[in-house]
Amino acid sequence: MSFNGVHAPLVTPFKADGEIDHDLLGQHAVDLAGRGLAGLGIGGTTGEYYALSFEERVHTFHTVANAAGGKTFLTAGINATTTREVLRLGQEAKKAGLSALLVAAPYYAQPTQDELLQHMLAIDDSLDMPIMLYNFPARTGTAISDRVLEELLERRNFVAMKESTGDIAHLHHLATHFKDKLVLSCGMDDQALEFFVWGAQSWVAGAANFLPEVHVELLEACAKRGDFATGRKLMTQLLPVLELLERSGKFIQYVRYGCELAGKPVGNARAPLGTLTDDERRDFAKLVQPLLRNGR
């Protein structure tokens, strides 16, 4: 098991009263673990980690580990605003028996590149687990520079990077300059085909929460078989769904509704995020339901 393949960053199911539905979270993890995915992530953006307390985040680590541990590769998102909090979360993820870590720049704090490097090195020194970096400056306010990336890749635990800038030129740069050092993971879903053309072997995909099979089929066609004719056909079907997720400003709301369409309602997002309008739900259902009916 590794960072290669399709990994689903799990939604966090909420009950009507807003509390986490741990039973449903465990069931969801077990279900997805049996549907061809290479791994699952706990505590990512799709899981609304920023809206959970420390104790809630730790509880989700244990829920998923107890339900799906040994069934698939489990990555813990441990991002927070301070190094101290990140290390505390990482220690809890390690105690829970999770496989690896997803680490972004601390959000809002906007460290310098030297400070970011020291932050990342402290994580490695303290936790000694495989790490996927997460480059998402639109959310964190801080990009992971080439200099920082080069230094981190000198260490064995820094293995992969989820690239979510949306900048195709930066994708080209990573794919050509770090080709033999880095597992490049697609973190901008509507650009998945472009990532695979440039050699990416990994995809962390929010919509895999409700359409896992077509995501796996697309990655395997392109990354494993080099069959980009089939890849374009599959991406043509999936692209309208992914464009709405990435470009609408309602990524999490659409993923949650996608789960409902797939027969697994996971509740509403926590405020300040709201819900989809009736028109948005109707239009999204038209895009998703044909993929569900096709057994994907």
C-alpha atoms as a PDB file:
ATOM      1  CA  MET A   1       0.000   0.000   0.000  1.00  0.00           C
ATOM      2  CA  SER A   2       1.245   3.497  -0.835  1.00  0.00           C
ATOM      3  CA  PHE A   3       0.294   7.000  -1.921  1.00  0.00           C
ATOM      4  CA  ASN A   4      -0.233   5.737  -5.489  1.00  0.00           C
ATOM      5  CA  GLY A   5      -3.773   5.200  -6.759  1.00  0.00           C
ATOM      6  CA  VAL A   6      -7.020   6.960  -5.863  1.00  0.00           C
ATOM      7  CA  HIS A   7      -7.470   8.087  -2.268  1.00  0.00           C
ATOM      8  CA  ALA A   8     -10.790   9.424  -0.994  1.00  0.00           C
ATOM      9  CA  PRO A   9     -10.607  12.200   1.610  1.00  0.00           C
ATOM     10  CA  LEU A  10     -13.547  11.164   3.777  1.00  0.00           C
ATOM     11  CA  VAL A  11     -16.457  13.447   4.519  1.00  0.00           C
ATOM     12  CA  THR A  12     -17.317  13.785   8.198  1.00  0.00           C
ATOM     13  CA  PRO A  13     -20.951  12.678   8.613  1.00  0.00           C
ATOM     14  CA  PHE A  14     -23.041  14.862  10.908  1.00  0.00           C
ATOM     15  CA  LYS A  15     -26.287  14.032  12.662  1.00  0.00           C
ATOM     16  CA  ALA A  16     -29.258  16.379  12.656  1.00  0.00           C
ATOM     17  CA  ASP A  17     -27.988  17.967  15.886  1.00  0.00           C
ATOM     18  CA  GLY A  18     -24.593  18.684  14.292  1.00  0.00           C
ATOM     19  CA  GLU A  19     -22.658  16.029  16.185  1.00  0.00           C
ATOM     20  CA  ILE A  20     -20.417  13.585  14.319  1.00  0.00           C
ATOM     21  CA  ASP A  21     -22.071  10.318  13.317  1.00  0.00           C
ATOM     22  CA  HIS A  22     -19.197   7.962  14.092  1.00  0.00           C
ATOM     23  CA  ASP A  23     -21.168   4.847  13.201  1.00  0.00           C
ATOM     24  CA  LEU A  24     -21.821   6.196   9.715  1.00  0.00           C
ATOM     25  CA  LEU A  25     -18.216   7.381   9.367  1.00  0.00           C
ATOM     26  CA  GLY A  26     -16.974   3.870  10.097  1.00  0.00           C
ATOM     27  CA  GLN A  27     -19.496   2.301   7.715  1.00  0.00           C
ATOM     28  CA  HIS A  28     -18.558   4.768   4.987  1.00  0.00           C
ATOM     29  CA  ALA A  29     -14.860   3.970   5.416  1.00  0.00           C
ATOM     30  CA  VAL A  30     -15.457   0.217   5.224  1.00  0.00           C
ATOM     31  CA  ASP A  31     -17.679   0.600   2.155  1.00  0.00           C
ATOM     32  CA  LEU A  32     -15.135   2.690   0.258  1.00  0.00           C
ATOM     33  CA  ALA A  33     -12.268   0.401   1.285  1.00  0.00           C
ATOM     34  CA  GLY A  34     -13.977  -2.364  -0.672  1.00  0.00           C
ATOM     35  CA  ARG A  35     -14.543  -0.422  -3.872  1.00  0.00           C
ATOM     36  CA  GLY A  36     -11.131  -0.325  -5.495  1.00  0.00           C
ATOM     37  CA  LEU A  37      -9.644   2.732  -3.842  1.00  0.00           C
ATOM     38  CA  ALA A  38      -5.989   2.687  -2.828  1.00  0.00           C
ATOM     39  CA  GLY A  39      -6.603   4.564   0.393  1.00  0.00           C
ATOM     40  CA  LEU A  40      -8.682   6.867   2.540  1.00  0.00           C
ATOM     41  CA  GLY A  41      -7.867  10.182   4.175  1.00  0.00           C
ATOM     42  CA  ILE A  42      -9.162  11.380   7.525  1.00  0.00           C
ATOM     43  CA  GLY A  43      -9.012  15.029   8.506  1.00  0.00           C
ATOM     44  CA  GLY A  44      -8.677  16.665   5.109  1.00  0.00           C
ATOM     45  CA  THR A  45     -10.469  19.669   3.671  1.00  0.00           C
ATOM     46  CA  THR A  46     -13.356  17.462   2.531  1.00  0.00           C
ATOM     47  CA  GLY A  47     -13.724  16.263   6.123  1.00  0.00           C
ATOM     48  CA  GLU A  48     -13.965  19.881   7.368  1.00  0.00           C
ATOM     49  CA  TYR A  49     -11.079  19.416   9.795  1.00  0.00           C
ATOM     50  CA  TYR A  50     -11.004  23.155  10.469  1.00  0.00           C
ATOM     51  CA  ALA A  51     -14.574  22.934  11.845  1.00  0.00           C
ATOM     52  CA  LEU A  52     -13.776  20.125  14.308  1.00  0.00           C
ATOM     53  CA  SER A  53     -12.322  20.371  17.789  1.00  0.00           C
ATOM     54  CA  PHE A  54      -9.044  18.647  18.633  1.00  0.00           C
ATOM     55  CA  GLU A  55     -10.964  15.921  20.474  1.00  0.00           C
ATOM     56  CA  GLU A  56     -13.325  15.402  17.555  1.00  0.00           C
ATOM     57  CA  ARG A  57     -10.445  15.059  15.131  1.00  0.00           C
ATOM     58  CA  VAL A  58      -8.737  12.483  17.304  1.00  0.00           C
ATOM     59  CA  HIS A  59     -12.000  10.553  17.651  1.00  0.00           C
ATOM     60  CA  THR A  60     -12.361  10.398  13.855  1.00  0.00           C
ATOM     61  CA  PHE A  61      -8.830   8.979  13.580  1.00  0.00           C
ATOM     62  CA  HIS A  62      -9.787   6.130  15.903  1.00  0.00           C
ATOM     63  CA  THR A  63     -13.185   5.566  14.294  1.00  0.00           C
ATOM     64  CA  VAL A  64     -11.709   5.069  10.823  1.00  0.00           C
ATOM     65  CA  ALA A  65      -8.709   3.105  12.080  1.00  0.00           C
ATOM     66  CA  ASN A  66     -10.966   0.727  14.014  1.00  0.00           C
ATOM     67  CA  ALA A  67     -13.307   0.295  11.053  1.00  0.00           C
ATOM     68  CA  ALA A  68     -10.908   0.132   8.103  1.00  0.00           C
ATOM     69  CA  GLY A  69      -7.456  -0.419   9.568  1.00  0.00           C
ATOM     70  CA  GLY A  70      -5.773  -3.258   7.714  1.00  0.00           C
ATOM     71  CA  LYS A  71      -8.254  -2.971   4.852  1.00  0.00           C
ATOM     72  CA  THR A  72      -6.671   0.002   3.084  1.00  0.00           C
ATOM     73  CA  PHE A  73      -4.000   2.727   3.347  1.00  0.00           C
ATOM     74  CA  LEU A  74      -5.088   5.390   5.856  1.00  0.00           C
ATOM     75  CA  THR A  75      -3.703   8.922   5.793  1.00  0.00           C
ATOM     76  CA  ALA A  76      -4.309  11.397   8.616  1.00  0.00           C
ATOM     77  CA  GLY A  77      -4.629  15.072   7.795  1.00  0.00           C
ATOM     78  CA  ILE A  78      -2.993  16.868  10.718  1.00  0.00           C
ATOM     79  CA  ASN A  79      -2.959  20.471   9.564  1.00  0.00           C
ATOM     80  CA  ALA A  80      -3.462  23.242  12.134  1.00  0.00           C
ATOM     81  CA  THR A  81      -2.316  26.809  12.743  1.00  0.00           C
ATOM     82  CA  THR A  82       0.639  25.962  15.013  1.00  0.00           C
ATOM     83  CA  THR A  83       3.440  23.430  14.963  1.00  0.00           C
ATOM     84  CA  ARG A  84       2.527  22.373  18.493  1.00  0.00           C
ATOM     85  CA  GLU A  85      -1.029  21.499  17.505  1.00  0.00           C
ATOM     86  CA  VAL A  86       0.104  19.669  14.359  1.00  0.00           C
ATOM     87  CA  LEU A  87       2.498  17.545  16.412  1.00  0.00           C
ATOM     88  CA  ARG A  88      -0.212  16.741  18.953  1.00  0.00           C
ATOM     89  CA  LEU A  89      -2.535  15.612  16.167  1.00  0.00           C
ATOM     90  CA  GLY A  90       0.222  13.603  14.533  1.00  0.00           C
ATOM     91  CA  GLN A  91       1.015  11.806  17.761  1.00  0.00           C
ATOM     92  CA  GLU A  92      -2.654  10.878  18.115  1.00  0.00           C
ATOM     93  CA  ALA A  93      -2.796   9.662  14.511  1.00  0.00           C
ATOM     94  CA  LYS A  94       0.235   7.487  15.153  1.00  0.00           C
ATOM     95  CA  LYS A  95      -1.341   6.074  18.329  1.00  0.00           C
ATOM     96  CA  ALA A  96      -4.466   5.251  16.341  1.00  0.00           C
ATOM     97  CA  GLY A  97      -2.375   3.191  13.932  1.00  0.00           C
ATOM     98  CA  LEU A  98      -2.872   5.255  10.789  1.00  0.00           C
ATOM     99  CA  SER A  99      -0.523   4.643   7.871  1.00  0.00           C
ATOM    100  CA  ALA A 100       0.708   8.102   6.888  1.00  0.00           C
ATOM    101  CA  LEU A 101       0.266  11.854   7.219  1.00  0.00           C
ATOM    102  CA  LEU A 102      -1.046  14.668   5.005  1.00  0.00           C
ATOM    103  CA  VAL A 103       0.664  17.947   5.892  1.00  0.00           C
ATOM    104  CA  ALA A 104       0.001  21.425   4.512  1.00  0.00           C
ATOM    105  CA  ALA A 105       1.427  24.803   5.449  1.00  0.00           C
ATOM    106  CA  PRO A 106      -0.207  26.082   8.649  1.00  0.00           C
ATOM    107  CA  TYR A 107      -3.212  28.045   7.506  1.00  0.00           C
ATOM    108  CA  TYR A 108      -3.648  31.768   8.255  1.00  0.00           C
ATOM    109  CA  ALA A 109      -0.252  32.027   9.991  1.00  0.00           C
ATOM    110  CA  GLN A 110       1.582  32.527   6.661  1.00  0.00           C
ATOM    111  CA  PRO A 111       5.078  31.420   7.733  1.00  0.00           C
ATOM    112  CA  THR A 112       8.115  32.384   5.701  1.00  0.00           C
ATOM    113  CA  GLN A 113       9.702  29.618   3.647  1.00  0.00           C
ATOM    114  CA  ASP A 114      12.431  29.161   6.279  1.00  0.00           C
ATOM    115  CA  GLU A 115       9.770  28.886   8.980  1.00  0.00           C
ATOM    116  CA  LEU A 116       7.762  26.469   6.854  1.00  0.00           C
ATOM    117  CA  LEU A 117      10.822  24.282   6.368  1.00  0.00           C
ATOM    118  CA  GLN A 118      11.487  24.148  10.105  1.00  0.00           C
ATOM    119  CA  HIS A 119       7.828  23.303  10.707  1.00  0.00           C
ATOM    120  CA  MET A 120       7.989  20.375   8.294  1.00  0.00           C
ATOM    121  CA  LEU A 121      11.291  19.101   9.679  1.00  0.00           C
ATOM    122  CA  ALA A 122       9.878  19.198  13.202  1.00  0.00           C
ATOM    123  CA  ILE A 123       6.995  17.013  12.067  1.00  0.00           C
ATOM    124  CA  ASP A 124       9.347  14.462  10.561  1.00  0.00           C
ATOM    125  CA  ASP A 125      11.671  14.489  13.577  1.00  0.00           C
ATOM    126  CA  SER A 126       8.794  13.976  15.979  1.00  0.00           C
ATOM    127  CA  LEU A 127       6.571  11.530  14.126  1.00  0.00           C
ATOM    128  CA  ASP A 128       8.707   9.525  11.667  1.00  0.00           C
ATOM    129  CA  MET A 129       5.828   8.539   9.361  1.00  0.00           C
ATOM    130  CA  PRO A 130       5.403   8.664   5.562  1.00  0.00           C
ATOM    131  CA  ILE A 131       4.236  12.136   4.551  1.00  0.00           C
ATOM    132  CA  MET A 132       2.259  13.550   1.650  1.00  0.00           C
ATOM    133  CA  LEU A 133       2.738  17.302   1.444  1.00  0.00           C
ATOM    134  CA  TYR A 134      -0.307  19.369   0.505  1.00  0.00           C
ATOM    135  CA  ASN A 135       0.365  22.445  -1.620  1.00  0.00           C
ATOM    136  CA  PHE A 136      -2.818  24.537  -1.468  1.00  0.00           C
ATOM    137  CA  PRO A 137      -1.860  28.214  -1.099  1.00  0.00           C
ATOM    138  CA  ALA A 138      -5.378  29.432  -1.917  1.00  0.00           C
ATOM    139  CA  ARG A 139      -6.499  27.876   1.387  1.00  0.00           C
ATOM    140  CA  THR A 140      -3.377  28.145   3.527  1.00  0.00           C
ATOM    141  CA  GLY A 141      -1.957  31.442   2.279  1.00  0.00           C
ATOM    142  CA  THR A 142       1.503  29.882   1.839  1.00  0.00           C
ATOM    143  CA  ALA A 143       2.922  27.930  -1.102  1.00  0.00           C
ATOM    144  CA  ILE A 144       5.537  25.200  -0.725  1.00  0.00           C
ATOM    145  CA  SER A 145       8.534  26.520  -2.649  1.00  0.00           C
ATOM    146  CA  ASP A 146      11.005  24.518  -4.719  1.00  0.00           C
ATOM    147  CA  ARG A 147      13.710  25.168  -2.167  1.00  0.00           C
ATOM    148  CA  VAL A 148      11.643  23.766   0.678  1.00  0.00           C
ATOM    149  CA  LEU A 149      10.493  20.826  -1.426  1.00  0.00           C
ATOM    150  CA  GLU A 150      14.052  19.966  -2.476  1.00  0.00           C
ATOM    151  CA  GLU A 151      15.260  19.949   1.122  1.00  0.00           C
ATOM    152  CA  LEU A 152      12.351  17.864   2.344  1.00  0.00           C
ATOM    153  CA  LEU A 153      12.804  15.277  -0.386  1.00  0.00           C
ATOM    154  CA  GLU A 154      16.285  14.594   0.974  1.00  0.00           C
ATOM    155  CA  ARG A 155      14.488  12.832   3.828  1.00  0.00           C
ATOM    156  CA  ARG A 156      12.938   9.409   3.305  1.00  0.00           C
ATOM    157  CA  ASN A 157       9.548  10.195   4.871  1.00  0.00           C
ATOM    158  CA  PHE A 158       8.651  13.007   2.460  1.00  0.00           C
ATOM    159  CA  VAL A 159       7.329  10.896  -0.379  1.00  0.00           C
ATOM    160  CA  ALA A 160       4.477  12.676  -2.162  1.00  0.00           C
ATOM    161  CA  MET A 161       2.768  16.005  -2.745  1.00  0.00           C
ATOM    162  CA  LYS A 162      -0.852  16.763  -3.397  1.00  0.00           C
ATOM    163  CA  GLU A 163      -0.674  19.678  -5.823  1.00  0.00           C
ATOM    164  CA  SER A 164      -3.726  21.954  -5.583  1.00  0.00           C
ATOM    165  CA  THR A 165      -2.618  25.302  -6.974  1.00  0.00           C
ATOM    166  CA  GLY A 166      -4.671  24.861 -10.146  1.00  0.00           C
ATOM    167  CA  ASP A 167      -1.711  26.270 -12.097  1.00  0.00           C
ATOM    168  CA  ILE A 168      -0.989  24.033 -15.081  1.00  0.00           C
ATOM    169  CA  ALA A 169       2.421  25.653 -15.537  1.00  0.00           C
ATOM    170  CA  HIS A 170       3.322  24.628 -11.987  1.00  0.00           C
ATOM    171  CA  LEU A 171       2.142  21.095 -12.732  1.00  0.00           C
ATOM    172  CA  HIS A 172       4.512  21.055 -15.720  1.00  0.00           C
ATOM    173  CA  HIS A 173       7.322  22.326 -13.500  1.00  0.00           C
ATOM    174  CA  LEU A 174       6.790  19.691 -10.799  1.00  0.00           C
ATOM    175  CA  ALA A 175       6.438  16.887 -13.325  1.00  0.00           C
ATOM    176  CA  THR A 176       9.686  17.777 -15.090  1.00  0.00           C
ATOM    177  CA  HIS A 177      11.890  18.967 -12.207  1.00  0.00           C
ATOM    178  CA  PHE A 178      10.878  16.426  -9.556  1.00  0.00           C
ATOM    179  CA  LYS A 179      10.041  13.510 -11.826  1.00  0.00           C
ATOM    180  CA  ASP A 180      12.172  10.882 -10.100  1.00  0.00           C
ATOM    181  CA  LYS A 181      11.905  12.162  -6.541  1.00  0.00           C
ATOM    182  CA  LEU A 182       8.231  12.785  -5.889  1.00  0.00           C
ATOM    183  CA  VAL A 183       4.915  10.940  -6.056  1.00  0.00           C
ATOM    184  CA  LEU A 184       2.860  13.682  -7.687  1.00  0.00           C
ATOM    185  CA  SER A 185      -0.787  13.578  -6.641  1.00  0.00           C
ATOM    186  CA  CYS A 186      -3.668  15.341  -8.351  1.00  0.00           C
ATOM    187  CA  GLY A 187      -5.302  17.773  -5.960  1.00  0.00           C
ATOM    188  CA  MET A 188      -7.275  19.772  -8.525  1.00  0.00           C
ATOM    189  CA  ASP A 189      -9.930  17.318  -9.622  1.00  0.00           C
ATOM    190  CA  ASP A 190     -11.012  18.907 -12.887  1.00  0.00           C
ATOM    191  CA  GLN A 191      -7.363  18.746 -14.058  1.00  0.00           C
ATOM    192  CA  ALA A 192      -6.951  15.011 -13.368  1.00  0.00           C
ATOM    193  CA  LEU A 193      -6.395  14.066 -17.002  1.00  0.00           C
ATOM    194  CA  GLU A 194      -3.659  16.671 -17.340  1.00  0.00           C
ATOM    195  CA  PHE A 195      -1.961  15.322 -14.213  1.00  0.00           C
ATOM    196  CA  PHE A 196      -1.982  11.796 -15.631  1.00  0.00           C
ATOM    197  CA  VAL A 197      -0.573  12.981 -18.962  1.00  0.00           C
ATOM    198  CA  TRP A 198       2.341  14.420 -16.989  1.00  0.00           C
ATOM    199  CA  GLY A 199       2.979  11.214 -15.098  1.00  0.00           C
ATOM    200  CA  ALA A 200       0.980  11.538 -11.887  1.00  0.00           C
ATOM    201  CA  GLN A 201       0.257   8.170 -10.287  1.00  0.00           C
ATOM    202  CA  SER A 202      -1.901   9.450  -7.431  1.00  0.00           C
ATOM    203  CA  TRP A 203      -5.224  11.259  -7.021  1.00  0.00           C
ATOM    204  CA  VAL A 204      -6.766  12.529  -3.786  1.00  0.00           C
ATOM    205  CA  ALA A 205     -10.344  12.995  -4.978  1.00  0.00           C
ATOM    206  CA  GLY A 206     -13.254  14.345  -2.958  1.00  0.00           C
ATOM    207  CA  ALA A 207     -15.876  13.015  -5.365  1.00  0.00           C
ATOM    208  CA  ALA A 208     -14.522   9.500  -4.800  1.00  0.00           C
ATOM    209  CA  ASN A 209     -16.721   9.600  -1.695  1.00  0.00           C
ATOM    210  CA  PHE A 210     -19.683   8.914  -3.983  1.00  0.00           C
ATOM    211  CA  LEU A 211     -18.221   7.896  -7.375  1.00  0.00           C
ATOM    212  CA  PRO A 212     -15.206   5.754  -6.431  1.00  0.00           C
ATOM    213  CA  GLU A 213     -15.255   3.325  -9.333  1.00  0.00           C
ATOM    214  CA  VAL A 214     -15.106   5.843 -12.164  1.00  0.00           C
ATOM    215  CA  HIS A 215     -12.212   7.625 -10.438  1.00  0.00           C
ATOM    216  CA  VAL A 216     -10.301   4.349 -10.168  1.00  0.00           C
ATOM    217  CA  GLU A 217     -11.155   3.439 -13.752  1.00  0.00           C
ATOM    218  CA  LEU A 218      -9.857   6.794 -15.003  1.00  0.00           C
ATOM    219  CA  LEU A 219      -6.588   6.606 -13.098  1.00  0.00           C
ATOM    220  CA  GLU A 220      -5.943   3.012 -14.118  1.00  0.00           C
ATOM    221  CA  ALA A 221      -6.680   3.702 -17.781  1.00  0.00           C
ATOM    222  CA  CYS A 222      -4.253   6.608 -17.882  1.00  0.00           C
ATOM    223  CA  ALA A 223      -1.586   6.011 -15.240  1.00  0.00           C
ATOM    224  CA  LYS A 224      -1.334   2.240 -15.478  1.00  0.00           C
ATOM    225  CA  ARG A 225      -2.191   1.425 -19.094  1.00  0.00           C
ATOM    226  CA  GLY A 226      -1.430   4.679 -20.887  1.00  0.00           C
ATOM    227  CA  ASP A 227      -4.858   4.450 -22.547  1.00  0.00           C
ATOM    228  CA  PHE A 228      -5.656   8.125 -22.887  1.00  0.00           C
ATOM    229  CA  ALA A 229      -8.433   7.552 -25.424  1.00  0.00           C
ATOM    230  CA  THR A 230     -10.393   5.750 -22.723  1.00  0.00           C
ATOM    231  CA  GLY A 231      -9.193   8.352 -20.228  1.00  0.00           C
ATOM    232  CA  ARG A 232     -10.635  11.208 -22.288  1.00  0.00           C
ATOM    233  CA  LYS A 233     -13.926   9.366 -22.632  1.00  0.00           C
ATOM    234  CA  LEU A 234     -14.181   8.815 -18.886  1.00  0.00           C
ATOM    235  CA  MET A 235     -13.083  12.349 -18.079  1.00  0.00           C
ATOM    236  CA  THR A 236     -15.706  13.735 -20.460  1.00  0.00           C
ATOM    237  CA  GLN A 237     -18.361  11.990 -18.379  1.00  0.00           C
ATOM    238  CA  LEU A 238     -16.885  13.023 -15.042  1.00  0.00           C
ATOM    239  CA  LEU A 239     -15.702  16.539 -15.872  1.00  0.00           C
ATOM    240  CA  PRO A 240     -19.021  18.416 -15.389  1.00  0.00           C
ATOM    241  CA  VAL A 241     -19.249  16.984 -11.872  1.00  0.00           C
ATOM    242  CA  LEU A 242     -15.655  17.891 -11.053  1.00  0.00           C
ATOM    243  CA  GLU A 243     -15.936  21.385 -12.522  1.00  0.00           C
ATOM    244  CA  LEU A 244     -18.879  22.137 -10.251  1.00  0.00           C
ATOM    245  CA  LEU A 245     -16.957  20.906  -7.238  1.00  0.00           C
ATOM    246  CA  GLU A 246     -13.827  22.905  -8.013  1.00  0.00           C
ATOM    247  CA  ARG A 247     -15.295  26.084  -9.495  1.00  0.00           C
ATOM    248  CA  SER A 248     -18.601  26.666  -7.692  1.00  0.00           C
ATOM    249  CA  GLY A 249     -17.328  27.702  -4.271  1.00  0.00           C
ATOM    250  CA  LYS A 250     -19.438  24.894  -2.763  1.00  0.00           C
ATOM    251  CA  PHE A 251     -17.065  21.933  -2.946  1.00  0.00           C
ATOM    252  CA  ILE A 252     -18.042  20.406   0.376  1.00  0.00           C
ATOM    253  CA  GLN A 253     -21.762  20.939  -0.114  1.00  0.00           C
ATOM    254  CA  TYR A 254     -21.639  19.170  -3.483  1.00  0.00           C
ATOM    255  CA  VAL A 255     -19.633  16.236  -2.103  1.00  0.00           C
ATOM    256  CA  ARG A 256     -22.159  15.860   0.696  1.00  0.00           C
ATOM    257  CA  TYR A 257     -25.062  15.903  -1.734  1.00  0.00           C
ATOM    258  CA  GLY A 258     -23.241  13.427  -3.956  1.00  0.00           C
ATOM    259  CA  CYS A 259     -23.118  11.027  -1.011  1.00  0.00           C
ATOM    260  CA  GLU A 260     -26.858  11.492  -0.558  1.00  0.00           C
ATOM    261  CA  LEU A 261     -27.455  10.720  -4.233  1.00  0.00           C
ATOM    262  CA  ALA A 262     -25.371   7.564  -3.802  1.00  0.00           C
ATOM    263  CA  GLY A 263     -27.662   6.429  -0.999  1.00  0.00           C
ATOM    264  CA  LYS A 264     -25.591   7.539   1.981  1.00  0.00           C
ATOM    265  CA  PRO A 265     -26.825  10.861   3.432  1.00  0.00           C
ATOM    266  CA  VAL A 266     -24.074  12.389   5.577  1.00  0.00           C
ATOM    267  CA  GLY A 267     -25.866  15.512   6.788  1.00  0.00           C
ATOM    268  CA  ASN A 268     -25.134  19.178   6.202  1.00  0.00           C
ATOM    269  CA  ALA A 269     -21.818  20.964   6.528  1.00  0.00           C
ATOM    270  CA  ARG A 270     -21.111  22.896   9.697  1.00  0.00           C
ATOM    271  CA  ALA A 271     -21.767  26.646   9.666  1.00  0.00           C
ATOM    272  CA  PRO A 272     -20.690  28.969   8.233  1.00  0.00           C
ATOM    273  CA  LEU A 273     -21.146  26.664   5.236  1.00  0.00           C
ATOM    274  CA  GLY A 274     -24.753  26.235   4.206  1.00  0.00           C
ATOM    275  CA  THR A 275     -26.596  23.934   1.829  1.00  0.00           C
ATOM    276  CA  LEU A 276     -27.273  23.810  -1.899  1.00  0.00           C
ATOM    277  CA  THR A 277     -30.284  25.522  -3.395  1.00  0.00           C
ATOM    278  CA  ASP A 278     -33.046  23.425  -4.923  1.00  0.00           C
ATOM    279  CA  ASP A 279     -31.817  24.388  -8.396  1.00  0.00           C
ATOM    280  CA  GLU A 280     -28.243  23.412  -7.554  1.00  0.00           C
ATOM    281  CA  ARG A 281     -29.386  20.061  -6.196  1.00  0.00           C
ATOM    282  CA  ARG A 282     -31.500  19.357  -9.270  1.00  0.00           C
ATOM    283  CA  ASP A 283     -28.737  20.288 -11.716  1.00  0.00           C
ATOM    284  CA  PHE A 284     -26.107  18.280  -9.836  1.00  0.00           C
ATOM    285  CA  ALA A 285     -28.343  15.223  -9.640  1.00  0.00           C
ATOM    286  CA  LYS A 286     -28.689  15.281 -13.430  1.00  0.00           C
ATOM    287  CA  LEU A 287     -24.914  15.055 -13.742  1.00  0.00           C
ATOM    288  CA  VAL A 288     -24.308  12.430 -11.058  1.00  0.00           C
ATOM    289  CA  GLN A 289     -27.206  10.021 -11.485  1.00  0.00           C
ATOM    290  CA  PRO A 290     -26.158   8.673 -14.915  1.00  0.00           C
ATOM    291  CA  LEU A 291     -22.774   7.745 -13.453  1.00  0.00           C
ATOM    292  CA  LEU A 292     -24.464   6.016 -10.503  1.00  0.00           C
ATOM    293  CA  ARG A 293     -26.869   4.157 -12.789  1.00  0.00           C
ATOM    294  CA  ASN A 294     -23.934   2.929 -14.850  1.00  0.00           C
ATOM    295  CA  GLY A 295     -22.598   1.174 -11.772  1.00  0.00           C
ATOM    296  CA  ARG A 296     -19.828   3.685 -11.300  1.00  0.00           C
END
